[in-house]
């Protein structure tokens, strides 16, 4: 049995790839391939998160369940995909940990060793990671984490100072190479896989040339917010409850569609900041290219970038008022009001009546909570 463990990174088309694999389970089985994911989920992220919090048994159980399922189908390959497996410690602490880079990397190695120990010894493992040029990765990751659940309030330089070590792909991926073996780890560049990462994965990793029998996603996954709406959300993030962050993302996505003149300038780094960042990582990128045999990232031309760069002018008072108007209109919709009420009632119950927490956990695990939220979404 062969296990392909796709570990990310974030912002390299992982969501679209996972949705493709989830939607094409039957077609993949005809090639002897099974895609592993929990029921009602399209990736391995929730299991990876559980594993990070010492849920080793749950991780192993799901793997073994999928190995048995593959054997029933006569499959020879299982795919498990979670971009949360790259730089796990940083994501686990929501980029706010106070540990040094050395301490983080030591914990990272320990977790990867535990993960390897959960996989039966007779299983042939292939660890796969897609990476993109570090400056673009930083900007895209910053955008995502302002937009999503980590509620960042600082600028891109603040963010870089928190997560700078994860841009050193060679250091992180060398740990996987040490634990799983040099022949078991492969790295591909996101830029070389474009314009279609799914096509790259299916042809070069699975060895399937004909994609005509598969269902391909029509919509781009994980759409980003326009720059003005993102900037407004960054300023407001300190006032958003973590428990309501997912709902707030939905509200801001709807607000974004209402803006009349969206600004899509997502160059958060100035040309000189970009040049300095790439220069500091030059040795790491060269080691990555040599050790993992990957093509070089696209070259950066400082003079050409200086000539074409237009700095973001900031959030004007007029635009801020427009966003506030649409935000207030959207969040007053009955669906969002019901959803917020449900969340706050559950939070209050946990604080005031902790002995009922088991009931809330049961509702979450049984899918009742999901059904309630889906019902409220019909009013949105």
Protein backbone atom coordinates (compact mmCIF):
# COMPACT_ATOMS: atom_id res chain seq x y z
CA UNK A 1 0.00 0.00 0.00
CA UNK A 2 1.20 3.50 -0.87
CA UNK A 3 0.32 6.70 1.00
CA UNK A 4 0.68 10.10 -0.67
CA UNK A 5 0.76 12.70 2.10
CA UNK A 6 0.20 16.17 0.62
CA UNK A 7 1.32 18.67 3.28
CA UNK A 8 0.68 22.02 1.57
CA UNK A 9 1.86 24.64 1.72
CA UNK A 10 -0.99 27.08 2.26
CA UNK A 11 -1.79 29.37 -0.68
CA UNK A 12 -0.67 26.96 -3.38
CA UNK A 13 -4.08 25.84 -4.65
CA UNK A 14 -4.55 23.24 -1.89
CA UNK A 15 -8.28 23.91 -1.41
CA UNK A 16 -9.06 23.54 -5.11
CA UNK A 17 -7.00 20.35 -5.29
CA UNK A 18 -8.75 18.88 -2.23
CA UNK A 19 -12.18 19.71 -3.63
CA UNK A 20 -11.21 18.03 -6.90
CA UNK A 21 -10.00 14.87 -5.13
CA UNK A 22 -13.11 14.76 -2.92
CA UNK A 23 -15.46 15.19 -5.88
CA UNK A 24 -13.77 12.46 -7.95
CA UNK A 25 -13.66 9.55 -5.50
CA UNK A 26 -15.29 7.11 -7.93
CA UNK A 27 -13.09 8.11 -10.85
CA UNK A 28 -9.92 7.80 -8.76
CA UNK A 29 -10.91 4.33 -7.55
CA UNK A 30 -10.91 3.14 -11.15
CA UNK A 31 -7.17 3.90 -11.10
CA UNK A 32 -6.67 2.10 -7.77
CA UNK A 33 -6.59 5.33 -5.75
CA UNK A 34 -8.60 6.28 -2.66
CA UNK A 35 -8.86 9.79 -1.24
CA UNK A 36 -8.92 9.87 2.57
CA UNK A 37 -11.06 12.43 4.37
CA UNK A 38 -13.53 12.39 7.27
CA UNK A 39 -17.28 12.23 6.56
CA UNK A 40 -18.72 15.57 5.35
CA UNK A 41 -15.22 17.04 4.88
CA UNK A 42 -13.10 17.47 1.75
CA UNK A 43 -9.65 17.40 3.36
CA UNK A 44 -7.63 16.02 6.28
CA UNK A 45 -7.34 19.35 8.10
CA UNK A 46 -9.57 18.58 11.07
CA UNK A 47 -7.73 15.31 11.70
CA UNK A 48 -4.36 17.03 11.34
CA UNK A 49 -5.47 19.67 13.86
CA UNK A 50 -6.60 16.94 16.25
CA UNK A 51 -3.25 15.21 15.87
CA UNK A 52 -1.41 18.41 16.75
CA UNK A 53 -3.38 18.57 19.98
CA UNK A 54 -2.19 15.05 20.82
CA UNK A 55 -5.06 13.18 19.20
CA UNK A 56 -2.69 10.52 17.92
CA UNK A 57 -5.18 7.68 18.21
CA UNK A 58 -7.82 9.47 16.14
CA UNK A 59 -5.25 10.16 13.43
CA UNK A 60 -4.14 6.52 13.35
CA UNK A 61 -7.73 5.22 13.40
CA UNK A 62 -8.75 7.27 10.38
CA UNK A 63 -5.67 6.13 8.47
CA UNK A 64 -6.34 2.48 9.29
CA UNK A 65 -10.01 2.87 8.35
CA UNK A 66 -8.99 4.23 4.96
CA UNK A 67 -6.39 1.50 4.46
CA UNK A 68 -9.16 -1.07 5.02
CA UNK A 69 -11.47 0.78 2.64
CA UNK A 70 -8.74 0.85 -0.01
CA UNK A 71 -8.23 -2.88 0.34
CA UNK A 72 -11.97 -3.48 -0.14
CA UNK A 73 -11.85 -1.50 -3.38
CA UNK A 74 -8.67 -3.22 -4.49
CA UNK A 75 -6.83 0.12 -4.41
CA UNK A 76 -3.07 0.42 -4.07
CA UNK A 77 -2.76 4.13 -3.23
CA UNK A 78 -4.28 6.44 -0.62
CA UNK A 79 -4.07 10.24 -0.74
CA UNK A 80 -4.32 12.33 2.43
CA UNK A 81 -4.14 16.10 2.09
CA UNK A 82 -3.76 18.81 4.73
CA UNK A 83 -1.88 22.07 4.24
CA UNK A 84 -1.88 22.39 8.05
CA UNK A 85 0.92 19.82 8.17
CA UNK A 86 3.52 22.32 6.96
CA UNK A 87 4.93 24.49 9.78
CA UNK A 88 2.49 22.84 12.19
CA UNK A 89 3.73 24.49 15.37
CA UNK A 90 3.37 28.01 13.98
CA UNK A 91 -0.19 27.32 12.85
CA UNK A 92 -1.06 25.60 16.11
CA UNK A 93 -0.12 28.74 18.06
CA UNK A 94 -1.89 30.99 15.50
CA UNK A 95 1.47 32.69 14.78
CA UNK A 96 1.49 34.17 18.29
CA UNK A 97 3.88 31.85 20.09
CA UNK A 98 6.82 33.35 21.95
CA UNK A 99 9.18 30.45 21.26
CA UNK A 100 12.42 30.92 19.36
CA UNK A 101 12.91 29.47 15.89
CA UNK A 102 15.13 26.74 17.34
CA UNK A 103 12.47 25.70 19.86
CA UNK A 104 9.77 25.72 17.19
CA UNK A 105 11.81 23.53 14.85
CA UNK A 106 12.55 21.08 17.68
CA UNK A 107 8.82 20.77 18.41
CA UNK A 108 8.14 20.44 14.68
CA UNK A 109 10.53 17.50 14.44
CA UNK A 110 8.94 15.82 17.45
CA UNK A 111 5.45 16.10 15.93
CA UNK A 112 6.60 14.81 12.53
CA UNK A 113 8.27 11.83 14.24
CA UNK A 114 5.00 11.09 16.10
CA UNK A 115 3.10 11.33 12.84
CA UNK A 116 5.48 8.90 11.12
CA UNK A 117 5.03 6.47 14.00
CA UNK A 118 1.26 6.34 13.40
CA UNK A 119 1.72 5.02 9.85
CA UNK A 120 2.14 1.23 9.60
CA UNK A 121 5.68 0.24 8.68
CA UNK A 122 4.60 -1.75 5.59
CA UNK A 123 3.06 1.37 4.00
CA UNK A 124 5.21 3.13 1.41
CA UNK A 125 5.01 6.89 2.09
CA UNK A 126 5.44 9.77 -0.30
CA UNK A 127 5.45 13.26 1.23
CA UNK A 128 4.60 15.99 -1.27
CA UNK A 129 4.84 19.75 -0.79
CA UNK A 130 4.14 22.62 -3.19
CA UNK A 131 5.97 25.88 -2.48
CA UNK A 132 5.83 29.34 -4.06
CA UNK A 133 8.27 32.24 -4.16
CA UNK A 134 8.59 33.36 -0.52
CA UNK A 135 7.57 37.00 -1.00
CA UNK A 136 4.36 35.99 -2.78
CA UNK A 137 3.73 33.31 -0.16
CA UNK A 138 4.13 35.88 2.64
CA UNK A 139 1.70 38.33 1.02
CA UNK A 140 -0.91 35.70 0.24
CA UNK A 141 -0.64 34.14 3.69
CA UNK A 142 -0.97 37.57 5.29
CA UNK A 143 -4.08 38.28 3.22
CA UNK A 144 -5.63 34.96 4.22
CA UNK A 145 -4.95 35.38 7.91
CA UNK A 146 -6.38 38.87 8.06
CA UNK A 147 -9.44 37.58 6.20
CA UNK A 148 -9.87 34.36 8.14
CA UNK A 149 -9.84 33.23 11.73
CA UNK A 150 -6.54 34.45 13.15
CA UNK A 151 -7.79 38.04 13.41
CA UNK A 152 -4.51 39.77 12.63
CA UNK A 153 -4.39 43.50 13.30
CA UNK A 154 -0.79 44.35 12.33
CA UNK A 155 0.67 45.11 8.92
CA UNK A 156 2.61 42.73 6.68
CA UNK A 157 5.96 43.60 8.33
CA UNK A 158 4.55 42.73 11.76
CA UNK A 159 3.29 39.47 10.32
CA UNK A 160 6.67 38.70 8.73
CA UNK A 161 8.46 39.25 12.03
CA UNK A 162 6.19 36.61 13.57
CA UNK A 163 6.42 33.92 10.90
CA UNK A 164 9.72 34.61 9.12
CA UNK A 165 11.10 31.13 9.83
CA UNK A 166 8.39 29.34 7.83
CA UNK A 167 9.61 31.08 4.66
CA UNK A 168 12.78 28.99 4.97
CA UNK A 169 11.34 26.02 3.09
CA UNK A 170 14.60 24.11 3.11
CA UNK A 171 14.84 24.02 6.93
CA UNK A 172 11.26 22.82 7.40
CA UNK A 173 11.23 20.29 4.58
CA UNK A 174 14.59 18.90 5.63
CA UNK A 175 12.91 17.69 8.82
CA UNK A 176 10.39 15.71 6.76
CA UNK A 177 13.26 14.37 4.68
CA UNK A 178 15.17 13.27 7.79
CA UNK A 179 12.15 11.52 9.31
CA UNK A 180 10.59 9.91 6.22
CA UNK A 181 13.75 9.43 4.15
CA UNK A 182 15.20 11.39 1.24
CA UNK A 183 13.54 9.23 -1.43
CA UNK A 184 10.11 9.69 0.19
CA UNK A 185 9.96 13.51 -0.03
CA UNK A 186 9.31 15.53 -3.14
CA UNK A 187 8.86 19.27 -3.63
CA UNK A 188 7.23 21.05 -6.57
CA UNK A 189 7.02 24.77 -7.21
CA UNK A 190 3.60 26.36 -7.45
CA UNK A 191 4.71 28.66 -10.28
CA UNK A 192 5.93 25.75 -12.43
CA UNK A 193 2.59 23.97 -11.87
CA UNK A 194 0.54 26.90 -13.14
CA UNK A 195 -1.84 27.51 -14.76
CA UNK A 196 -3.42 24.32 -13.38
CA UNK A 197 -2.12 22.75 -10.18
CA UNK A 198 -4.74 19.98 -10.40
CA UNK A 199 -3.42 18.99 -13.81
CA UNK A 200 0.13 19.00 -12.46
CA UNK A 201 -0.79 16.81 -9.49
CA UNK A 202 -2.81 14.28 -11.48
CA UNK A 203 -0.25 13.92 -14.28
CA UNK A 204 3.03 14.09 -12.36
CA UNK A 205 2.10 12.63 -8.96
CA UNK A 206 -0.65 10.16 -9.84
CA UNK A 207 0.63 9.37 -13.32
CA UNK A 208 -2.77 9.83 -14.97
CA UNK A 209 -2.57 11.49 -18.38
CA UNK A 210 -6.23 11.61 -19.37
CA UNK A 211 -8.29 13.98 -17.19
CA UNK A 212 -11.38 13.97 -19.38
CA UNK A 213 -13.27 11.54 -17.13
CA UNK A 214 -12.85 13.73 -14.04
CA UNK A 215 -15.03 16.56 -12.75
CA UNK A 216 -13.01 19.77 -12.67
CA UNK A 217 -13.94 22.66 -10.33
CA UNK A 218 -15.37 25.67 -12.15
CA UNK A 219 -14.97 28.25 -9.40
CA UNK A 220 -11.76 29.53 -7.90
CA UNK A 221 -11.52 28.38 -4.29
CA UNK A 222 -10.57 30.65 -1.39
CA UNK A 223 -11.28 33.98 -3.11
CA UNK A 224 -9.55 36.91 -1.46
CA UNK A 225 -11.18 40.17 -0.41
CA UNK A 226 -10.51 43.42 -2.22
CA UNK A 227 -7.75 45.51 -0.62
CA UNK A 228 -10.05 48.16 0.88
CA UNK A 229 -12.38 45.62 2.50
CA UNK A 230 -9.40 43.65 3.78
CA UNK A 231 -7.86 46.79 5.26
CA UNK A 232 -11.15 47.70 6.93
CA UNK A 233 -11.41 44.18 8.38
CA UNK A 234 -7.81 44.32 9.64
CA UNK A 235 -8.62 47.47 11.59
CA UNK A 236 -11.79 45.89 13.01
CA UNK A 237 -10.32 42.46 13.79
CA UNK A 238 -9.56 43.34 17.42
CA UNK A 239 -13.32 43.76 18.01
CA UNK A 240 -14.30 40.39 16.48
CA UNK A 241 -14.86 37.43 18.80
CA UNK A 242 -12.81 34.41 17.75
CA UNK A 243 -15.93 32.23 18.01
CA UNK A 244 -17.66 34.45 15.41
CA UNK A 245 -14.74 34.84 13.02
CA UNK A 246 -16.11 32.33 10.52
CA UNK A 247 -19.44 34.14 10.34
CA UNK A 248 -17.66 37.47 9.97
CA UNK A 249 -15.78 36.10 6.96
CA UNK A 250 -19.08 35.34 5.28
CA UNK A 251 -20.36 38.84 6.05
CA UNK A 252 -17.26 40.52 4.64
CA UNK A 253 -17.38 38.32 1.52
CA UNK A 254 -20.89 39.62 0.84
CA UNK A 255 -19.82 43.19 1.60
CA UNK A 256 -16.99 42.81 -0.91
CA UNK A 257 -19.45 41.98 -3.69
CA UNK A 258 -21.33 45.23 -3.01
CA UNK A 259 -18.38 47.63 -3.27
CA UNK A 260 -18.67 49.83 -6.35
CA UNK A 261 -14.95 50.49 -7.04
CA UNK A 262 -12.91 47.71 -5.37
CA UNK A 263 -9.16 48.26 -5.05
CA UNK A 264 -7.24 45.08 -5.90
CA UNK A 265 -3.74 46.27 -5.12
CA UNK A 266 -2.40 43.35 -3.06
CA UNK A 267 1.28 44.25 -3.19
CA UNK A 268 1.92 44.62 0.53
CA UNK A 269 5.71 44.81 0.19
CA UNK A 270 7.52 47.73 -1.40
CA UNK A 271 10.05 46.82 -4.11
CA UNK A 272 12.96 47.35 -1.71
CA UNK A 273 11.31 45.29 1.06
CA UNK A 274 10.69 42.53 -1.46
CA UNK A 275 14.30 42.62 -2.66
CA UNK A 276 15.63 42.49 0.92
CA UNK A 277 13.41 39.54 1.79
CA UNK A 278 14.45 37.51 -1.26
CA UNK A 279 18.10 38.36 -0.68
CA UNK A 280 17.91 37.10 2.92
CA UNK A 281 16.45 33.80 1.70
CA UNK A 282 18.73 33.33 -1.30
CA UNK A 283 20.89 30.66 0.37
CA UNK A 284 17.82 28.74 1.58
CA UNK A 285 16.22 28.80 -1.87
CA UNK A 286 19.42 27.56 -3.49
CA UNK A 287 19.66 24.69 -0.99
CA UNK A 288 16.02 23.80 -1.65
CA UNK A 289 16.66 23.74 -5.39
CA UNK A 290 19.77 21.58 -5.01
CA UNK A 291 18.62 19.11 -2.33
CA UNK A 292 15.07 18.58 -3.56
CA UNK A 293 15.79 19.04 -7.29
CA UNK A 294 13.22 21.75 -7.96
CA UNK A 295 13.35 24.48 -10.61
CA UNK A 296 14.30 27.99 -9.49
CA UNK A 297 11.56 30.44 -8.56
CA UNK A 298 10.75 33.22 -11.05
CA UNK A 299 13.47 35.89 -11.02
CA UNK A 300 12.80 39.23 -9.36
CA UNK A 301 13.73 42.40 -11.24
CA UNK A 302 14.09 45.27 -8.77
CA UNK A 303 14.36 48.09 -11.31
CA UNK A 304 11.35 46.94 -13.34
CA UNK A 305 9.31 46.52 -10.15
CA UNK A 306 10.25 50.00 -8.94
CA UNK A 307 9.15 51.45 -12.26
CA UNK A 308 5.71 49.82 -12.19
CA UNK A 309 4.96 49.83 -8.45
CA UNK A 310 2.03 51.85 -7.17
CA UNK A 311 1.74 51.95 -3.36
CA UNK A 312 -1.65 51.38 -1.81
CA UNK A 313 -3.06 54.85 -0.97
CA UNK A 314 -4.84 53.72 2.17
CA UNK A 315 -8.48 53.56 3.13
CA UNK A 316 -10.23 56.82 2.24
CA UNK A 317 -13.01 58.21 4.43
CA UNK A 318 -15.50 57.81 1.56
CA UNK A 319 -14.61 54.14 1.05
CA UNK A 320 -14.69 53.46 4.79
CA UNK A 321 -18.20 54.87 4.99
CA UNK A 322 -19.33 52.78 2.02
CA UNK A 323 -17.95 49.60 3.61
CA UNK A 324 -19.55 50.42 6.97
CA UNK A 325 -22.91 51.02 5.27
CA UNK A 326 -22.82 47.65 3.49
CA UNK A 327 -21.45 45.84 6.56
CA UNK A 328 -24.31 47.10 8.73
CA UNK A 329 -26.88 46.16 6.07
CA UNK A 330 -25.50 42.63 5.61
CA UNK A 331 -24.97 41.75 9.27
CA UNK A 332 -28.56 42.80 10.06
CA UNK A 333 -29.91 40.06 7.77
CA UNK A 334 -32.00 37.64 9.78
CA UNK A 335 -29.77 34.66 8.99
CA UNK A 336 -26.69 36.30 10.46
CA UNK A 337 -28.64 37.59 13.46
CA UNK A 338 -29.86 34.04 14.18
CA UNK A 339 -26.38 32.60 13.70
CA UNK A 340 -24.85 35.15 16.07
CA UNK A 341 -27.59 34.44 18.62
CA UNK A 342 -26.92 30.69 18.48
CA UNK A 343 -23.18 31.17 18.92
CA UNK A 344 -23.49 33.57 21.84
CA UNK A 345 -26.08 31.38 23.54
CA UNK A 346 -23.72 28.38 23.27
CA UNK A 347 -20.81 30.45 24.61
CA UNK A 348 -22.89 31.71 27.54
CA UNK A 349 -24.04 28.17 28.33
CA UNK A 350 -20.43 26.94 28.47
CA UNK A 351 -19.49 29.73 30.90
CA UNK A 352 -22.55 29.70 33.14
CA UNK A 353 -23.57 26.03 32.93
CA UNK A 354 -20.35 24.10 32.22
CA UNK A 355 -22.00 20.78 33.13
CA UNK A 356 -23.99 21.12 29.88
CA UNK A 357 -20.83 21.31 27.75
CA UNK A 358 -21.21 17.63 26.91
CA UNK A 359 -24.55 18.43 25.25
CA UNK A 360 -22.98 21.15 23.10
CA UNK A 361 -20.10 18.83 22.18
CA UNK A 362 -22.63 16.16 21.21
CA UNK A 363 -24.51 18.66 19.04
CA UNK A 364 -21.26 19.63 17.30
CA UNK A 365 -20.16 16.04 16.76
CA UNK A 366 -23.55 14.78 15.59
CA UNK A 367 -23.94 17.46 12.94
CA UNK A 368 -26.91 19.17 14.61
CA UNK A 369 -24.97 22.43 14.87
CA UNK A 370 -24.04 22.27 11.20
CA UNK A 371 -27.67 21.68 10.22
CA UNK A 372 -28.80 24.65 12.32
CA UNK A 373 -26.21 26.92 10.71
CA UNK A 374 -27.18 25.67 7.25
CA UNK A 375 -30.80 26.44 8.07
CA UNK A 376 -29.97 30.00 9.12
CA UNK A 377 -27.92 30.50 5.95
CA UNK A 378 -31.11 30.19 3.90
CA UNK A 379 -32.21 33.52 5.36
CA UNK A 380 -28.97 35.15 4.19
